[in-house]
Amino acid sequence: MRTLKLNNGLTIPIMGFGTYKSELESIVSALEGGYKYLDTASYYGNERDISMALEQTGVKREEVFIASKIWRSDMGYDSTMKSFSRTLENLRTDYLDVLMIHWPRPNLELREWKALDLETWRAMEDLHSKGKIRALGLSNFLPYHSENILAHCRVRPSIAQLEFHAGHTQAFALEYYRREGIQVQAWSPIGRGRVLADELIIELAGKYHVTPAQVCIRFCIQEGVMPLPKASTPERLRENLECLDFEIDDEDISRIENMPPMGWSGEHPDRERVKI
């Protein structure tokens, strides 16, 4: 599989497997299908499933990149340290490849969220300095959230994970992270399936002889964004990897970039969740 180089020199696969709501069987299938980057979080409740999947498949820990995240209720220095210890115990490993702050605010009422973010980041930096984490990242941080970290950090973020897909490209945030040399990852790269029926996506699927989902995932890759698609069957897992085997031309990339808004999850770091 092709790779990406992070700003700290670490090389990671160009595509990962998103494990949100995934159970043991799907994770086993992903590992058997050749995926080498697993994205999880303490909130997902499946870190133990990942350790079991590694054991069942015989894939060595050092052959797989594992990323997890600090949940809203675990932010702050001491709580982050405790959460990280639980994550290592669940994964049955002594290090993580990537650790992220899951959301910039634990709740919308807290006014001092910037200080809490910095406490959390300081704990992650200390773990990084001890060799317990290979790269640090931010999840669902928009540029003005990230500025707080960048202004005070000892270790720069290497990854910024955002909801990114056709119909919701967050162009300003994407350009910001490109300038800062921070690799963007896409959660929900097919817009929770809501984008797949769009007339342009269907047209391009026919043009390139691929599925609508493959168009969406390939779009991420050509935008320089690392997709983290989910899948529950070996066939879908294989199809996702086949996105590396074709290319969308520049005009069609531009057409996707200028699609009307669609597929948004309803999640925003500074707003109440919108039921869609």
C-alpha atoms as a PDB file:
ATOM      1  CA  MET A   1       0.000   0.000   0.000  1.00  0.00           C
ATOM      2  CA  ARG A   2       1.181   3.536  -0.750  1.00  0.00           C
ATOM      3  CA  THR A   3       2.188   5.681   2.201  1.00  0.00           C
ATOM      4  CA  LEU A   4       2.140   9.220   3.580  1.00  0.00           C
ATOM      5  CA  LYS A   5       4.919  10.881   5.530  1.00  0.00           C
ATOM      6  CA  LEU A   6       3.901  12.876   8.595  1.00  0.00           C
ATOM      7  CA  ASN A   7       5.618  16.068   9.734  1.00  0.00           C
ATOM      8  CA  ASN A   8       7.575  14.116  12.363  1.00  0.00           C
ATOM      9  CA  GLY A   9       8.993  11.725   9.749  1.00  0.00           C
ATOM     10  CA  LEU A  10       6.680   8.810  10.563  1.00  0.00           C
ATOM     11  CA  THR A  11       5.410   6.980   7.465  1.00  0.00           C
ATOM     12  CA  ILE A  12       1.829   5.685   7.591  1.00  0.00           C
ATOM     13  CA  PRO A  13      -0.482   3.970   5.071  1.00  0.00           C
ATOM     14  CA  ILE A  14      -2.419   6.193   2.665  1.00  0.00           C
ATOM     15  CA  MET A  15      -5.710   4.650   3.849  1.00  0.00           C
ATOM     16  CA  GLY A  16      -6.924   3.311   7.175  1.00  0.00           C
ATOM     17  CA  PHE A  17      -9.844   1.329   8.536  1.00  0.00           C
ATOM     18  CA  GLY A  18     -12.362   3.238  10.642  1.00  0.00           C
ATOM     19  CA  THR A  19     -13.585   1.035  13.472  1.00  0.00           C
ATOM     20  CA  TYR A  20     -16.474   3.152  14.803  1.00  0.00           C
ATOM     21  CA  LYS A  21     -19.318   0.686  15.540  1.00  0.00           C
ATOM     22  CA  SER A  22     -17.136  -2.145  14.196  1.00  0.00           C
ATOM     23  CA  GLU A  23     -17.016  -5.445  16.048  1.00  0.00           C
ATOM     24  CA  LEU A  24     -14.424  -8.195  16.190  1.00  0.00           C
ATOM     25  CA  GLU A  25     -15.418  -9.932  12.949  1.00  0.00           C
ATOM     26  CA  SER A  26     -15.077  -6.763  10.852  1.00  0.00           C
ATOM     27  CA  ILE A  27     -11.707  -5.907  12.380  1.00  0.00           C
ATOM     28  CA  VAL A  28     -10.435  -9.416  11.702  1.00  0.00           C
ATOM     29  CA  SER A  29     -11.593  -9.107   8.082  1.00  0.00           C
ATOM     30  CA  ALA A  30      -9.805  -5.767   7.741  1.00  0.00           C
ATOM     31  CA  LEU A  31      -6.522  -7.186   9.007  1.00  0.00           C
ATOM     32  CA  GLU A  32      -6.862 -10.257   6.807  1.00  0.00           C
ATOM     33  CA  GLY A  33      -7.654  -7.971   3.858  1.00  0.00           C
ATOM     34  CA  GLY A  34      -4.377  -6.083   4.219  1.00  0.00           C
ATOM     35  CA  TYR A  35      -5.311  -2.981   6.207  1.00  0.00           C
ATOM     36  CA  LYS A  36      -2.397  -1.743   8.290  1.00  0.00           C
ATOM     37  CA  TYR A  37      -3.928   1.301  10.024  1.00  0.00           C
ATOM     38  CA  LEU A  38      -6.773   0.928  12.539  1.00  0.00           C
ATOM     39  CA  ASP A  39      -8.532   4.023  13.854  1.00  0.00           C
ATOM     40  CA  THR A  40     -10.320   3.540  17.174  1.00  0.00           C
ATOM     41  CA  ALA A  41     -11.153   5.544  20.304  1.00  0.00           C
ATOM     42  CA  SER A  42     -11.889   4.838  23.939  1.00  0.00           C
ATOM     43  CA  TYR A  43     -15.440   6.024  23.221  1.00  0.00           C
ATOM     44  CA  TYR A  44     -15.926   3.323  20.566  1.00  0.00           C
ATOM     45  CA  GLY A  45     -15.642   0.573  23.144  1.00  0.00           C
ATOM     46  CA  ASN A  46     -13.819  -1.816  20.801  1.00  0.00           C
ATOM     47  CA  GLU A  47     -10.168  -1.456  21.781  1.00  0.00           C
ATOM     48  CA  ARG A  48     -10.260  -4.992  23.246  1.00  0.00           C
ATOM     49  CA  ASP A  49     -11.660  -6.273  19.953  1.00  0.00           C
ATOM     50  CA  ILE A  50      -8.598  -4.899  18.172  1.00  0.00           C
ATOM     51  CA  SER A  51      -6.235  -6.778  20.477  1.00  0.00           C
ATOM     52  CA  MET A  52      -8.283  -9.944  19.989  1.00  0.00           C
ATOM     53  CA  ALA A  53      -8.269  -9.449  16.199  1.00  0.00           C
ATOM     54  CA  LEU A  54      -4.489  -9.158  16.183  1.00  0.00           C
ATOM     55  CA  GLU A  55      -4.252 -12.379  18.184  1.00  0.00           C
ATOM     56  CA  GLN A  56      -6.708 -14.245  15.927  1.00  0.00           C
ATOM     57  CA  THR A  57      -5.049 -13.182  12.684  1.00  0.00           C
ATOM     58  CA  GLY A  58      -1.482 -13.555  13.870  1.00  0.00           C
ATOM     59  CA  VAL A  59      -0.648 -10.065  12.600  1.00  0.00           C
ATOM     60  CA  LYS A  60       2.241  -8.671  14.619  1.00  0.00           C
ATOM     61  CA  ARG A  61       1.619  -5.519  16.621  1.00  0.00           C
ATOM     62  CA  GLU A  62       4.557  -3.728  15.002  1.00  0.00           C
ATOM     63  CA  GLU A  63       3.069  -4.345  11.540  1.00  0.00           C
ATOM     64  CA  VAL A  64      -0.062  -2.304  12.299  1.00  0.00           C
ATOM     65  CA  PHE A  65      -0.588   1.358  13.104  1.00  0.00           C
ATOM     66  CA  ILE A  66      -3.145   1.863  15.878  1.00  0.00           C
ATOM     67  CA  ALA A  67      -4.680   5.244  16.620  1.00  0.00           C
ATOM     68  CA  SER A  68      -6.944   6.020  19.560  1.00  0.00           C
ATOM     69  CA  LYS A  69      -8.441   9.124  21.140  1.00  0.00           C
ATOM     70  CA  ILE A  70      -9.013  10.801  24.495  1.00  0.00           C
ATOM     71  CA  TRP A  71     -12.742  11.203  25.099  1.00  0.00           C
ATOM     72  CA  ARG A  72     -14.403  14.392  26.347  1.00  0.00           C
ATOM     73  CA  SER A  73     -14.892  13.117  29.895  1.00  0.00           C
ATOM     74  CA  ASP A  74     -11.213  12.076  30.142  1.00  0.00           C
ATOM     75  CA  MET A  75      -9.630  15.435  29.305  1.00  0.00           C
ATOM     76  CA  GLY A  76      -7.135  17.093  31.645  1.00  0.00           C
ATOM     77  CA  TYR A  77      -3.641  15.949  32.611  1.00  0.00           C
ATOM     78  CA  ASP A  78      -4.359  13.242  35.177  1.00  0.00           C
ATOM     79  CA  SER A  79      -7.472  11.942  33.449  1.00  0.00           C
ATOM     80  CA  THR A  80      -5.601  11.686  30.153  1.00  0.00           C
ATOM     81  CA  MET A  81      -2.876   9.632  31.808  1.00  0.00           C
ATOM     82  CA  LYS A  82      -5.467   7.272  33.292  1.00  0.00           C
ATOM     83  CA  SER A  83      -7.365   7.006  30.010  1.00  0.00           C
ATOM     84  CA  PHE A  84      -4.153   6.230  28.133  1.00  0.00           C
ATOM     85  CA  SER A  85      -3.270   3.465  30.605  1.00  0.00           C
ATOM     86  CA  ARG A  86      -6.711   1.894  30.114  1.00  0.00           C
ATOM     87  CA  THR A  87      -6.279   2.085  26.343  1.00  0.00           C
ATOM     88  CA  LEU A  88      -2.918   0.296  26.479  1.00  0.00           C
ATOM     89  CA  GLU A  89      -4.423  -2.345  28.768  1.00  0.00           C
ATOM     90  CA  ASN A  90      -7.394  -2.856  26.432  1.00  0.00           C
ATOM     91  CA  LEU A  91      -5.160  -3.093  23.368  1.00  0.00           C
ATOM     92  CA  ARG A  92      -2.605  -5.247  25.185  1.00  0.00           C
ATOM     93  CA  THR A  93       0.248  -3.131  23.903  1.00  0.00           C
ATOM     94  CA  ASP A  94       2.891  -0.917  25.475  1.00  0.00           C
ATOM     95  CA  TYR A  95       2.644   1.938  22.990  1.00  0.00           C
ATOM     96  CA  LEU A  96       0.286   3.700  20.570  1.00  0.00           C
ATOM     97  CA  ASP A  97       1.180   4.892  17.110  1.00  0.00           C
ATOM     98  CA  VAL A  98      -1.200   7.862  17.290  1.00  0.00           C
ATOM     99  CA  LEU A  99      -3.164   9.466  20.122  1.00  0.00           C
ATOM    100  CA  MET A 100      -5.615  12.309  19.518  1.00  0.00           C
ATOM    101  CA  ILE A 101      -7.897  14.557  21.523  1.00  0.00           C
ATOM    102  CA  HIS A 102     -11.323  13.448  20.313  1.00  0.00           C
ATOM    103  CA  TRP A 103     -13.133  16.824  20.561  1.00  0.00           C
ATOM    104  CA  PRO A 104     -11.821  20.292  21.508  1.00  0.00           C
ATOM    105  CA  ARG A 105     -14.566  20.939  24.074  1.00  0.00           C
ATOM    106  CA  PRO A 106     -15.870  18.522  26.707  1.00  0.00           C
ATOM    107  CA  ASN A 107     -19.192  20.376  26.633  1.00  0.00           C
ATOM    108  CA  LEU A 108     -20.578  23.641  25.301  1.00  0.00           C
ATOM    109  CA  GLU A 109     -20.880  25.225  28.749  1.00  0.00           C
ATOM    110  CA  LEU A 110     -17.176  25.146  29.644  1.00  0.00           C
ATOM    111  CA  ARG A 111     -15.586  28.528  28.960  1.00  0.00           C
ATOM    112  CA  GLU A 112     -12.039  27.467  29.855  1.00  0.00           C
ATOM    113  CA  TRP A 113     -11.810  24.755  27.205  1.00  0.00           C
ATOM    114  CA  LYS A 114      -8.538  26.157  25.874  1.00  0.00           C
ATOM    115  CA  ALA A 115      -6.782  25.559  29.198  1.00  0.00           C
ATOM    116  CA  LEU A 116      -8.232  22.044  29.377  1.00  0.00           C
ATOM    117  CA  ASP A 117      -7.009  21.288  25.855  1.00  0.00           C
ATOM    118  CA  LEU A 118      -3.509  22.390  26.818  1.00  0.00           C
ATOM    119  CA  GLU A 119      -3.520  20.231  29.957  1.00  0.00           C
ATOM    120  CA  THR A 120      -4.574  17.256  27.870  1.00  0.00           C
ATOM    121  CA  TRP A 121      -1.951  18.003  25.238  1.00  0.00           C
ATOM    122  CA  ARG A 122       0.783  18.359  27.880  1.00  0.00           C
ATOM    123  CA  ALA A 123      -0.012  14.855  29.143  1.00  0.00           C
ATOM    124  CA  MET A 124       0.169  13.532  25.595  1.00  0.00           C
ATOM    125  CA  GLU A 125       3.489  15.310  25.038  1.00  0.00           C
ATOM    126  CA  ASP A 126       4.904  13.730  28.205  1.00  0.00           C
ATOM    127  CA  LEU A 127       3.807  10.288  27.010  1.00  0.00           C
ATOM    128  CA  HIS A 128       5.349  11.044  23.614  1.00  0.00           C
ATOM    129  CA  SER A 129       8.664  12.014  25.231  1.00  0.00           C
ATOM    130  CA  LYS A 130       8.700   8.636  27.026  1.00  0.00           C
ATOM    131  CA  GLY A 131       8.257   6.788  23.734  1.00  0.00           C
ATOM    132  CA  LYS A 132       4.703   5.694  24.538  1.00  0.00           C
ATOM    133  CA  ILE A 133       3.142   7.501  21.544  1.00  0.00           C
ATOM    134  CA  ARG A 134       4.720   7.920  18.117  1.00  0.00           C
ATOM    135  CA  ALA A 135       2.566  10.814  16.859  1.00  0.00           C
ATOM    136  CA  LEU A 136       0.004  13.208  18.328  1.00  0.00           C
ATOM    137  CA  GLY A 137      -3.157  14.463  16.690  1.00  0.00           C
ATOM    138  CA  LEU A 138      -6.386  16.412  16.950  1.00  0.00           C
ATOM    139  CA  SER A 139      -9.844  15.186  16.046  1.00  0.00           C
ATOM    140  CA  ASN A 140     -12.714  17.553  15.171  1.00  0.00           C
ATOM    141  CA  PHE A 141     -10.537  20.600  15.855  1.00  0.00           C
ATOM    142  CA  LEU A 142     -11.214  23.492  13.509  1.00  0.00           C
ATOM    143  CA  PRO A 143      -8.399  25.979  12.809  1.00  0.00           C
ATOM    144  CA  TYR A 144      -9.248  28.331  15.689  1.00  0.00           C
ATOM    145  CA  HIS A 145      -9.220  25.389  18.105  1.00  0.00           C
ATOM    146  CA  SER A 146      -5.873  24.194  16.780  1.00  0.00           C
ATOM    147  CA  GLU A 147      -4.254  27.641  17.040  1.00  0.00           C
ATOM    148  CA  ASN A 148      -4.388  27.280  20.819  1.00  0.00           C
ATOM    149  CA  ILE A 149      -2.378  24.057  20.655  1.00  0.00           C
ATOM    150  CA  LEU A 150       0.078  25.291  18.035  1.00  0.00           C
ATOM    151  CA  ALA A 151       0.824  28.448  20.029  1.00  0.00           C
ATOM    152  CA  HIS A 152       1.869  26.514  23.146  1.00  0.00           C
ATOM    153  CA  CYS A 153       2.945  23.022  22.143  1.00  0.00           C
ATOM    154  CA  ARG A 154       6.340  21.346  22.494  1.00  0.00           C
ATOM    155  CA  VAL A 155       5.279  18.629  20.051  1.00  0.00           C
ATOM    156  CA  ARG A 156       3.320  19.727  17.003  1.00  0.00           C
ATOM    157  CA  PRO A 157       0.220  17.828  15.932  1.00  0.00           C
ATOM    158  CA  SER A 158       0.942  15.472  13.049  1.00  0.00           C
ATOM    159  CA  ILE A 159      -2.672  14.599  12.215  1.00  0.00           C
ATOM    160  CA  ALA A 160      -5.985  16.471  12.149  1.00  0.00           C
ATOM    161  CA  GLN A 161      -9.033  14.253  11.766  1.00  0.00           C
ATOM    162  CA  LEU A 162     -12.161  15.901  10.349  1.00  0.00           C
ATOM    163  CA  GLU A 163     -15.475  14.957   8.864  1.00  0.00           C
ATOM    164  CA  PHE A 164     -14.521  15.251   5.200  1.00  0.00           C
ATOM    165  CA  HIS A 165     -16.340  13.971   2.153  1.00  0.00           C
ATOM    166  CA  ALA A 166     -17.866  15.033  -1.140  1.00  0.00           C
ATOM    167  CA  GLY A 167     -20.490  17.599  -0.231  1.00  0.00           C
ATOM    168  CA  HIS A 168     -18.697  18.558   3.001  1.00  0.00           C
ATOM    169  CA  THR A 169     -15.064  19.336   2.260  1.00  0.00           C
ATOM    170  CA  GLN A 170     -14.404  21.980   4.946  1.00  0.00           C
ATOM    171  CA  ALA A 171     -12.199  23.785   2.441  1.00  0.00           C
ATOM    172  CA  PHE A 172     -10.933  26.475   4.829  1.00  0.00           C
ATOM    173  CA  ALA A 173      -9.863  23.925   7.450  1.00  0.00           C
ATOM    174  CA  LEU A 174      -8.270  21.692   4.810  1.00  0.00           C
ATOM    175  CA  GLU A 175      -6.191  24.538   3.420  1.00  0.00           C
ATOM    176  CA  TYR A 176      -5.185  25.633   6.933  1.00  0.00           C
ATOM    177  CA  TYR A 177      -3.854  22.186   7.836  1.00  0.00           C
ATOM    178  CA  ARG A 178      -2.067  21.911   4.498  1.00  0.00           C
ATOM    179  CA  ARG A 179      -0.238  25.177   5.253  1.00  0.00           C
ATOM    180  CA  GLU A 180       0.666  23.948   8.723  1.00  0.00           C
ATOM    181  CA  GLY A 181       2.008  20.650   7.382  1.00  0.00           C
ATOM    182  CA  ILE A 182      -0.543  18.619   9.340  1.00  0.00           C
ATOM    183  CA  GLN A 183      -2.013  15.538   7.657  1.00  0.00           C
ATOM    184  CA  VAL A 184      -5.802  15.585   7.413  1.00  0.00           C
ATOM    185  CA  GLN A 185      -7.718  12.347   7.892  1.00  0.00           C
ATOM    186  CA  ALA A 186     -11.338  11.902   6.820  1.00  0.00           C
ATOM    187  CA  TRP A 187     -13.879  10.287   9.048  1.00  0.00           C
ATOM    188  CA  SER A 188     -17.124   9.502   7.244  1.00  0.00           C
ATOM    189  CA  PRO A 189     -15.456   9.705   3.793  1.00  0.00           C
ATOM    190  CA  ILE A 190     -18.684   8.606   2.080  1.00  0.00           C
ATOM    191  CA  GLY A 191     -20.901  10.926   4.102  1.00  0.00           C
ATOM    192  CA  ARG A 192     -22.507   8.066   6.069  1.00  0.00           C
ATOM    193  CA  GLY A 193     -23.775   6.751   2.763  1.00  0.00           C
ATOM    194  CA  ARG A 194     -25.886   9.832   2.092  1.00  0.00           C
ATOM    195  CA  VAL A 195     -23.707  11.055  -0.774  1.00  0.00           C
ATOM    196  CA  LEU A 196     -23.811   7.823  -2.760  1.00  0.00           C
ATOM    197  CA  ALA A 197     -27.123   8.604  -4.477  1.00  0.00           C
ATOM    198  CA  ASP A 198     -25.987  12.032  -5.714  1.00  0.00           C
ATOM    199  CA  GLU A 199     -26.322  12.357  -9.483  1.00  0.00           C
ATOM    200  CA  LEU A 200     -22.717  13.521 -10.002  1.00  0.00           C
ATOM    201  CA  ILE A 201     -21.247  10.711  -7.903  1.00  0.00           C
ATOM    202  CA  ILE A 202     -23.343   8.167  -9.808  1.00  0.00           C
ATOM    203  CA  GLU A 203     -22.297   9.692 -13.142  1.00  0.00           C
ATOM    204  CA  LEU A 204     -18.613   9.511 -12.222  1.00  0.00           C
ATOM    205  CA  ALA A 205     -18.951   5.955 -10.949  1.00  0.00           C
ATOM    206  CA  GLY A 206     -20.189   4.992 -14.407  1.00  0.00           C
ATOM    207  CA  LYS A 207     -17.472   6.982 -16.157  1.00  0.00           C
ATOM    208  CA  TYR A 208     -14.637   5.345 -14.193  1.00  0.00           C
ATOM    209  CA  HIS A 209     -16.289   1.910 -13.922  1.00  0.00           C
ATOM    210  CA  VAL A 210     -16.198   1.917 -10.132  1.00  0.00           C
ATOM    211  CA  THR A 211     -18.747   2.167  -7.322  1.00  0.00           C
ATOM    212  CA  PRO A 212     -20.038   5.495  -5.930  1.00  0.00           C
ATOM    213  CA  ALA A 213     -18.224   4.735  -2.667  1.00  0.00           C
ATOM    214  CA  GLN A 214     -14.960   4.275  -4.568  1.00  0.00           C
ATOM    215  CA  VAL A 215     -15.427   7.683  -6.203  1.00  0.00           C
ATOM    216  CA  CYS A 216     -15.823   9.277  -2.769  1.00  0.00           C
ATOM    217  CA  ILE A 217     -12.803   7.540  -1.269  1.00  0.00           C
ATOM    218  CA  ARG A 218     -10.624   8.242  -4.287  1.00  0.00           C
ATOM    219  CA  PHE A 219     -11.654  11.908  -4.084  1.00  0.00           C
ATOM    220  CA  CYS A 220     -10.247  12.063  -0.555  1.00  0.00           C
ATOM    221  CA  ILE A 221      -6.957  10.528  -1.641  1.00  0.00           C
ATOM    222  CA  GLN A 222      -6.528  12.981  -4.521  1.00  0.00           C
ATOM    223  CA  GLU A 223      -7.247  15.879  -2.172  1.00  0.00           C
ATOM    224  CA  GLY A 224      -4.324  14.700  -0.045  1.00  0.00           C
ATOM    225  CA  VAL A 225      -6.670  13.506   2.696  1.00  0.00           C
ATOM    226  CA  MET A 226      -6.245  10.081   4.295  1.00  0.00           C
ATOM    227  CA  PRO A 227      -9.627   8.309   4.238  1.00  0.00           C
ATOM    228  CA  LEU A 228     -10.772   6.079   7.096  1.00  0.00           C
ATOM    229  CA  PRO A 229     -13.638   4.150   5.496  1.00  0.00           C
ATOM    230  CA  LYS A 230     -15.653   1.588   7.396  1.00  0.00           C
ATOM    231  CA  ALA A 231     -16.755  -1.729   5.928  1.00  0.00           C
ATOM    232  CA  SER A 232     -18.378  -4.878   7.245  1.00  0.00           C
ATOM    233  CA  THR A 233     -17.762  -7.373   4.422  1.00  0.00           C
ATOM    234  CA  PRO A 234     -14.576  -8.666   2.757  1.00  0.00           C
ATOM    235  CA  GLU A 235     -15.937  -7.526  -0.610  1.00  0.00           C
ATOM    236  CA  ARG A 236     -16.406  -3.931   0.544  1.00  0.00           C
ATOM    237  CA  LEU A 237     -13.016  -3.949   2.246  1.00  0.00           C
ATOM    238  CA  ARG A 238     -11.424  -5.054  -1.026  1.00  0.00           C
ATOM    239  CA  GLU A 239     -13.329  -2.449  -3.039  1.00  0.00           C
ATOM    240  CA  ASN A 240     -12.061   0.305  -0.751  1.00  0.00           C
ATOM    241  CA  LEU A 241      -8.449  -0.731  -1.324  1.00  0.00           C
ATOM    242  CA  GLU A 242      -9.073  -0.793  -5.090  1.00  0.00           C
ATOM    243  CA  CYS A 243      -9.512   2.992  -4.900  1.00  0.00           C
ATOM    244  CA  LEU A 244      -5.741   3.118  -5.196  1.00  0.00           C
ATOM    245  CA  ASP A 245      -5.959   1.684  -8.728  1.00  0.00           C
ATOM    246  CA  PHE A 246      -7.685   4.488 -10.663  1.00  0.00           C
ATOM    247  CA  GLU A 247      -7.547   8.276 -10.907  1.00  0.00           C
ATOM    248  CA  ILE A 248     -10.213  10.967 -11.244  1.00  0.00           C
ATOM    249  CA  ASP A 249      -9.276  13.681 -13.724  1.00  0.00           C
ATOM    250  CA  ASP A 250      -8.828  17.292 -12.616  1.00  0.00           C
ATOM    251  CA  GLU A 251     -12.089  18.556 -14.080  1.00  0.00           C
ATOM    252  CA  ASP A 252     -14.097  15.920 -12.250  1.00  0.00           C
ATOM    253  CA  ILE A 253     -12.237  16.627  -9.002  1.00  0.00           C
ATOM    254  CA  SER A 254     -13.280  20.260  -9.395  1.00  0.00           C
ATOM    255  CA  ARG A 255     -16.879  19.235  -9.997  1.00  0.00           C
ATOM    256  CA  ILE A 256     -16.879  17.212  -6.778  1.00  0.00           C
ATOM    257  CA  GLU A 257     -15.273  20.082  -4.859  1.00  0.00           C
ATOM    258  CA  ASN A 258     -18.131  22.330  -5.973  1.00  0.00           C
ATOM    259  CA  MET A 259     -20.999  19.987  -5.187  1.00  0.00           C
ATOM    260  CA  PRO A 260     -23.819  21.460  -3.088  1.00  0.00           C
ATOM    261  CA  PRO A 261     -23.610  20.725   0.653  1.00  0.00           C
ATOM    262  CA  MET A 262     -24.826  17.244   1.581  1.00  0.00           C
ATOM    263  CA  GLY A 263     -24.158  14.291   3.817  1.00  0.00           C
ATOM    264  CA  TRP A 264     -23.184  16.299   6.918  1.00  0.00           C
ATOM    265  CA  SER A 265     -23.427  14.201  10.073  1.00  0.00           C
ATOM    266  CA  GLY A 266     -24.906  17.014  12.170  1.00  0.00           C
ATOM    267  CA  GLU A 267     -21.778  17.088  14.379  1.00  0.00           C
ATOM    268  CA  HIS A 268     -19.990  20.384  15.063  1.00  0.00           C
ATOM    269  CA  PRO A 269     -17.509  21.027  17.890  1.00  0.00           C
ATOM    270  CA  ASP A 270     -19.172  24.292  18.957  1.00  0.00           C
ATOM    271  CA  ARG A 271     -22.857  23.476  18.443  1.00  0.00           C
ATOM    272  CA  GLU A 272     -25.476  21.120  19.744  1.00  0.00           C
ATOM    273  CA  ARG A 273     -25.748  18.042  17.540  1.00  0.00           C
ATOM    274  CA  VAL A 274     -28.295  18.468  14.776  1.00  0.00           C
ATOM    275  CA  LYS A 275     -30.591  15.496  14.256  1.00  0.00           C
ATOM    276  CA  ILE A 276     -30.527  14.808  10.524  1.00  0.00           C
END
